[in-house]
Amino acid sequence: MKEPKTLLARELEYFRHEKYYSQEKMAELIGISFKSYYNHIKSEYFPSGKHLKLYQKLLGWTSSDIAAMRADYSAYRGQNQKEFTVKSFDELLKGGLEINSLWNAMVKILDKFPLPDDEGNDMGSKEKWCRIYDLSPDTGYALLHHSEGIVGFWYVVAVTEEVYERILEGENINREIDTCDIRVFDMEGDYDLYLVDFFRTSETIVARRCMLRKFMEFLESLALQDIYIKRIAANVTSYIAQNSCKSHGFKYIAEHKYHTMYGKDNLPIPTKIYELNLKESLGKLSFETSDKLKPLYQFHFGKRK
């Protein structure tokens, strides 16, 4: 069997193989869901106190055993987090990366999430998007793996109110948007944000949290310059992304009139429009960043508590 990454995972899997249990049977005997057991042996996260008690009961672990596993897992997380860095498009371009190379890296990632080949899924030309990236390079960020290069990215743009409303109506803004529709963050005030893309090829929790953390830091850096986001609109396709939006306070608005993507089963998944209204509700954003973001927004929008 493939060597597990942490002491916890090794102890669990060695015990399971000794008893000739399947992973499903192991989870059943412990009294936890298969998903939880799978995440533990894949070292995605350390078990909660409740789960640890169940493990102790079945495997006979002592408090010293658990302390050793916890220390080993903390060391693993520290090393694993160093595998990823997040840099803005601006940093990458100033560091010598050609804009065409940046575009090609993003297309390579997007190709793993194929679109049905029809007019409604036309996302606009490479030349148009490179103009937009050049105008607003500080609103896009790339997730870099230490050996694989760019493995994910997110890109947002502040847009005019007219364009924002059309996004909520499910129009194909990606095809039609251009530099004249973009608001650059050069003045204090309130802005509407369009979350154009949020993709990654790495599905690990560490990679996901790196991207989310940088997004929250981005919002915080704007707020510290008295630039606030009123609303965020996003076209969301995958079921994982839809659940993530809901968990962060986004609300379903409507189905997109055109966009679909193919899932792993090669069946089309309709794109849905989600919105987070930060002026009315901060959702759960504050859990992903420092304690500064929520008070800044509460003070700005007059919701002091």
Protein backbone atom coordinates (compact mmCIF):
# COMPACT_ATOMS: atom_id res chain seq x y z
CA MET A 1 0.00 0.00 0.00
CA LYS A 2 1.08 3.61 -0.51
CA GLU A 3 2.82 5.00 2.56
CA PRO A 4 0.43 7.32 4.48
CA LYS A 5 1.64 10.88 5.01
CA THR A 6 1.27 11.22 8.79
CA LEU A 7 1.64 9.14 11.93
CA LEU A 8 -2.13 9.25 12.47
CA ALA A 9 -2.84 7.98 8.96
CA ARG A 10 -0.21 5.25 9.27
CA GLU A 11 -1.64 3.97 12.56
CA LEU A 12 -5.16 3.87 11.13
CA GLU A 13 -4.22 2.16 7.89
CA TYR A 14 -1.84 -0.36 9.44
CA PHE A 15 -4.55 -1.41 11.88
CA ARG A 16 -7.09 -1.68 9.04
CA HIS A 17 -4.79 -3.85 6.91
CA GLU A 18 -3.96 -6.09 9.86
CA LYS A 19 -7.68 -6.78 10.32
CA TYR A 20 -8.37 -7.00 6.55
CA TYR A 21 -11.07 -4.34 6.87
CA SER A 22 -12.22 -2.18 4.00
CA GLN A 23 -12.14 1.57 4.56
CA GLU A 24 -15.93 1.57 4.67
CA LYS A 25 -15.94 -1.19 7.32
CA MET A 26 -13.31 0.65 9.34
CA ALA A 27 -15.40 3.83 9.38
CA GLU A 28 -18.49 1.84 10.39
CA LEU A 29 -16.67 0.14 13.30
CA ILE A 30 -15.31 3.46 14.55
CA GLY A 31 -18.72 5.10 14.27
CA ILE A 32 -17.86 7.92 11.89
CA SER A 33 -18.73 8.70 8.29
CA PHE A 34 -16.62 7.25 5.49
CA LYS A 35 -15.87 10.82 4.34
CA SER A 36 -14.39 11.70 7.75
CA TYR A 37 -12.27 8.54 7.84
CA TYR A 38 -11.04 9.14 4.30
CA ASN A 39 -10.06 12.74 5.12
CA HIS A 40 -8.14 11.53 8.18
CA ILE A 41 -6.12 8.91 6.32
CA LYS A 42 -5.44 11.38 3.51
CA SER A 43 -4.20 13.84 6.16
CA GLU A 44 -6.65 16.52 5.03
CA TYR A 45 -7.40 17.43 8.64
CA PHE A 46 -6.82 16.18 12.19
CA PRO A 47 -9.75 14.44 13.94
CA SER A 48 -11.98 16.36 16.31
CA GLY A 49 -12.02 15.50 20.01
CA LYS A 50 -15.20 13.46 19.53
CA HIS A 51 -13.63 11.41 16.74
CA LEU A 52 -10.41 10.92 18.72
CA LYS A 53 -12.39 9.34 21.57
CA LEU A 54 -13.94 6.90 19.11
CA TYR A 55 -10.50 6.04 17.73
CA GLN A 56 -9.17 5.54 21.26
CA LYS A 57 -11.98 3.14 22.03
CA LEU A 58 -11.33 0.93 19.00
CA LEU A 59 -7.54 1.13 18.73
CA GLY A 60 -6.59 1.59 22.39
CA TRP A 61 -4.57 4.77 21.89
CA THR A 62 -3.19 6.53 24.96
CA SER A 63 -3.06 10.29 25.56
CA SER A 64 0.67 10.16 24.77
CA ASP A 65 -0.09 8.44 21.44
CA ILE A 66 -2.53 11.20 20.49
CA ALA A 67 -0.11 13.93 21.54
CA ALA A 68 2.58 12.40 19.29
CA MET A 69 0.14 12.17 16.38
CA ARG A 70 -0.98 15.76 16.87
CA ALA A 71 2.63 17.02 16.90
CA ASP A 72 3.45 14.97 13.80
CA TYR A 73 0.38 16.31 11.99
CA SER A 74 1.26 19.92 12.89
CA ALA A 75 4.75 19.42 11.44
CA TYR A 76 3.25 17.89 8.29
CA ARG A 77 0.85 20.81 7.86
CA GLY A 78 3.69 23.27 8.24
CA GLN A 79 5.68 21.54 5.47
CA ASN A 80 2.63 21.05 3.25
CA GLN A 81 1.60 24.70 3.39
CA LYS A 82 5.02 25.65 2.05
CA GLU A 83 4.25 23.68 -1.11
CA PHE A 84 1.93 26.49 -2.21
CA THR A 85 2.32 30.22 -2.61
CA VAL A 86 -0.14 32.78 -3.92
CA LYS A 87 1.02 35.72 -6.02
CA SER A 88 -0.88 38.46 -7.77
CA PHE A 89 -0.84 38.70 -11.55
CA ASP A 90 0.91 42.04 -11.00
CA GLU A 91 3.75 40.35 -9.08
CA LEU A 92 4.11 37.65 -11.73
CA LEU A 93 4.18 40.11 -14.63
CA LYS A 94 6.66 42.39 -12.86
CA GLY A 95 8.76 39.30 -12.11
CA GLY A 96 9.19 38.64 -15.81
CA LEU A 97 6.28 36.36 -16.68
CA GLU A 98 4.88 37.24 -20.11
CA ILE A 99 1.16 37.96 -20.20
CA ASN A 100 0.75 35.30 -22.93
CA SER A 101 2.38 32.74 -20.63
CA LEU A 102 0.00 33.71 -17.83
CA TRP A 103 -2.93 33.33 -20.20
CA ASN A 104 -1.73 29.91 -21.40
CA ALA A 105 -1.32 28.68 -17.80
CA MET A 106 -4.90 29.69 -16.99
CA VAL A 107 -6.26 28.11 -20.18
CA LYS A 108 -4.46 24.86 -19.26
CA ILE A 109 -6.33 24.86 -15.94
CA LEU A 110 -9.66 25.78 -17.55
CA ASP A 111 -9.25 22.94 -20.06
CA LYS A 112 -9.69 20.52 -17.18
CA PHE A 113 -13.21 21.94 -16.80
CA PRO A 114 -14.42 21.71 -20.43
CA LEU A 115 -17.29 23.74 -21.88
CA PRO A 116 -19.84 22.49 -24.39
CA ASP A 117 -18.87 23.92 -27.76
CA ASP A 118 -21.66 26.35 -28.53
CA GLU A 119 -22.02 30.09 -28.98
CA GLY A 120 -23.50 30.68 -25.53
CA ASN A 121 -20.27 29.51 -23.89
CA ASP A 122 -18.07 31.93 -25.83
CA MET A 123 -15.88 33.59 -23.17
CA GLY A 124 -14.40 36.29 -25.37
CA SER A 125 -11.05 36.61 -27.10
CA LYS A 126 -7.61 36.16 -25.61
CA GLU A 127 -6.70 39.69 -26.77
CA LYS A 128 -9.66 41.20 -24.93
CA TRP A 129 -8.89 39.41 -21.65
CA CYS A 130 -5.20 40.29 -21.86
CA ARG A 131 -6.22 43.95 -22.15
CA ILE A 132 -8.35 43.57 -19.02
CA TYR A 133 -5.55 41.79 -17.11
CA ASP A 134 -3.17 44.56 -18.16
CA LEU A 135 -5.63 47.21 -16.91
CA SER A 136 -6.33 45.47 -13.60
CA PRO A 137 -3.42 43.09 -12.80
CA ASP A 138 -3.71 43.57 -9.04
CA THR A 139 -7.17 41.92 -8.86
CA GLY A 140 -6.04 38.48 -10.01
CA TYR A 141 -4.02 35.92 -8.07
CA ALA A 142 -2.35 32.65 -9.04
CA LEU A 143 -1.84 29.59 -6.82
CA LEU A 144 1.67 28.25 -7.42
CA HIS A 145 2.92 24.80 -6.49
CA HIS A 146 6.66 24.66 -5.75
CA SER A 147 7.32 22.17 -8.57
CA GLU A 148 4.25 22.30 -10.83
CA GLY A 149 3.97 26.05 -11.36
CA ILE A 150 0.51 27.65 -11.61
CA VAL A 151 -2.14 25.17 -10.43
CA GLY A 152 -4.99 27.55 -9.70
CA PHE A 153 -6.10 31.15 -9.97
CA TRP A 154 -8.85 33.59 -9.14
CA TYR A 155 -9.67 36.81 -10.89
CA VAL A 156 -12.09 39.57 -9.96
CA VAL A 157 -12.89 42.93 -11.52
CA ALA A 158 -14.87 45.89 -10.26
CA VAL A 159 -17.57 46.63 -12.81
CA THR A 160 -20.11 49.35 -13.52
CA GLU A 161 -23.54 49.02 -11.96
CA GLU A 162 -25.12 48.38 -15.36
CA VAL A 163 -22.79 45.45 -16.08
CA TYR A 164 -23.27 44.09 -12.56
CA GLU A 165 -27.06 43.96 -12.98
CA ARG A 166 -26.65 42.13 -16.28
CA ILE A 167 -24.47 39.55 -14.52
CA LEU A 168 -27.30 38.93 -12.04
CA GLU A 169 -29.67 38.45 -14.97
CA GLY A 170 -27.51 35.64 -16.35
CA GLU A 171 -26.14 37.45 -19.39
CA ASN A 172 -22.93 36.26 -21.04
CA ILE A 173 -20.81 39.09 -19.69
CA ASN A 174 -17.53 37.22 -20.24
CA ARG A 175 -18.07 37.45 -23.98
CA GLU A 176 -19.07 41.13 -23.98
CA ILE A 177 -17.10 42.75 -21.17
CA ASP A 178 -14.17 45.01 -22.09
CA THR A 179 -11.94 47.61 -20.47
CA CYS A 180 -14.64 50.30 -20.68
CA ASP A 181 -16.77 48.23 -18.26
CA ILE A 182 -14.04 47.98 -15.61
CA ARG A 183 -13.72 50.26 -12.61
CA VAL A 184 -10.13 50.59 -11.42
CA PHE A 185 -9.56 50.97 -7.66
CA ASP A 186 -8.09 54.46 -7.92
CA MET A 187 -10.58 56.26 -5.63
CA GLU A 188 -12.09 55.68 -2.21
CA GLY A 189 -15.68 54.46 -2.21
CA ASP A 190 -17.97 51.48 -2.74
CA TYR A 191 -17.64 49.04 -5.63
CA ASP A 192 -19.48 46.08 -7.17
CA LEU A 193 -17.22 43.09 -7.77
CA TYR A 194 -17.51 40.37 -10.41
CA LEU A 195 -15.79 37.10 -9.48
CA VAL A 196 -14.78 36.06 -12.99
CA ASP A 197 -12.94 32.82 -12.19
CA PHE A 198 -11.95 30.73 -9.18
CA PHE A 199 -10.32 27.52 -10.40
CA ARG A 200 -7.68 25.12 -9.15
CA THR A 201 -6.46 21.69 -10.19
CA SER A 202 -5.31 20.81 -6.66
CA GLU A 203 -8.25 19.69 -4.53
CA THR A 204 -6.40 19.63 -1.20
CA ILE A 205 -7.73 21.62 1.72
CA VAL A 206 -4.35 23.40 1.99
CA ALA A 207 -4.61 24.63 -1.62
CA ARG A 208 -8.22 25.70 -1.17
CA ARG A 209 -7.51 27.60 2.04
CA CYS A 210 -4.47 29.31 0.50
CA MET A 211 -6.69 30.77 -2.21
CA LEU A 212 -9.50 31.72 0.17
CA ARG A 213 -7.11 33.32 2.63
CA LYS A 214 -5.54 35.46 -0.08
CA PHE A 215 -8.99 36.54 -1.28
CA MET A 216 -9.89 37.72 2.21
CA GLU A 217 -6.54 39.49 2.55
CA PHE A 218 -7.30 41.21 -0.76
CA LEU A 219 -10.64 42.51 0.58
CA GLU A 220 -8.95 43.64 3.77
CA SER A 221 -6.18 45.50 1.92
CA LEU A 222 -8.83 47.39 -0.05
CA ALA A 223 -10.80 48.26 3.09
CA LEU A 224 -7.67 49.67 4.72
CA GLN A 225 -7.53 52.10 1.76
CA ASP A 226 -11.22 53.01 2.27
CA ILE A 227 -12.23 50.94 -0.74
CA TYR A 228 -15.20 48.73 0.06
CA ILE A 229 -17.04 46.04 -1.88
CA LYS A 230 -20.83 46.38 -1.74
CA ARG A 231 -21.71 43.24 -3.65
CA ILE A 232 -19.93 40.24 -5.18
CA ALA A 233 -21.52 38.34 -8.08
CA ALA A 234 -20.22 35.00 -9.30
CA ASN A 235 -21.03 32.49 -12.03
CA VAL A 236 -20.79 29.15 -10.24
CA THR A 237 -20.79 25.78 -11.97
CA SER A 238 -19.48 22.84 -9.94
CA TYR A 239 -21.46 21.46 -7.02
CA ILE A 240 -18.40 21.87 -4.76
CA ALA A 241 -18.17 25.56 -5.70
CA GLN A 242 -21.91 26.04 -5.14
CA ASN A 243 -21.67 24.54 -1.65
CA SER A 244 -18.63 26.71 -0.91
CA CYS A 245 -20.55 29.83 -1.96
CA LYS A 246 -23.46 28.92 0.31
CA SER A 247 -21.15 28.29 3.27
CA HIS A 248 -19.66 31.78 2.83
CA GLY A 249 -22.99 33.57 2.78
CA PHE A 250 -23.60 33.80 -0.97
CA LYS A 251 -27.25 33.55 -2.05
CA TYR A 252 -28.57 31.87 -5.17
CA ILE A 253 -29.96 34.43 -7.63
CA ALA A 254 -30.76 32.65 -10.91
CA GLU A 255 -29.52 30.19 -13.51
CA HIS A 256 -27.16 31.50 -16.14
CA LYS A 257 -28.84 31.85 -19.51
CA TYR A 258 -25.97 30.23 -21.41
CA HIS A 259 -23.02 28.82 -19.49
CA THR A 260 -22.59 25.13 -18.71
CA MET A 261 -19.59 22.94 -18.00
CA TYR A 262 -19.01 19.21 -18.20
CA GLY A 263 -18.68 17.30 -14.95
CA LYS A 264 -16.49 14.24 -14.38
CA ASP A 265 -19.30 12.09 -15.75
CA ASN A 266 -19.25 14.15 -18.99
CA LEU A 267 -22.74 15.45 -18.31
CA PRO A 268 -23.36 19.20 -18.57
CA ILE A 269 -23.74 21.14 -15.31
CA PRO A 270 -25.69 24.41 -15.61
CA THR A 271 -24.01 27.53 -14.28
CA LYS A 272 -25.81 29.40 -11.50
CA ILE A 273 -25.54 33.00 -10.37
CA TYR A 274 -24.70 33.61 -6.70
CA GLU A 275 -24.34 36.90 -4.89
CA LEU A 276 -22.88 38.08 -1.60
CA ASN A 277 -24.22 41.44 -0.45
CA LEU A 278 -21.58 42.72 1.94
CA LYS A 279 -23.51 45.90 2.63
CA GLU A 280 -26.30 43.83 4.17
CA SER A 281 -24.49 40.79 5.50
CA LEU A 282 -20.87 39.77 5.93
CA GLY A 283 -21.77 36.09 5.74
CA LYS A 284 -18.97 33.97 7.15
CA LEU A 285 -16.08 35.84 5.58
CA SER A 286 -14.58 36.83 8.92
CA PHE A 287 -13.73 33.20 9.72
CA GLU A 288 -11.25 33.07 6.84
CA THR A 289 -9.09 36.09 7.62
CA SER A 290 -7.90 38.27 10.48
CA ASP A 291 -10.31 39.96 12.85
CA LYS A 292 -9.95 43.30 11.01
CA LEU A 293 -12.24 42.75 8.02
CA LYS A 294 -15.61 42.42 9.72
CA PRO A 295 -15.23 45.49 12.02
CA LEU A 296 -14.03 47.59 9.08
CA TYR A 297 -17.11 46.71 7.04
CA GLN A 298 -19.48 47.07 9.98
CA PHE A 299 -18.13 50.54 10.72
CA HIS A 300 -18.19 51.62 7.07
CA PHE A 301 -21.76 50.48 6.43
CA GLY A 302 -23.01 51.82 9.76
CA LYS A 303 -23.60 48.49 11.45
CA ARG A 304 -21.69 48.96 14.68
CA LYS A 305 -22.22 46.26 17.26
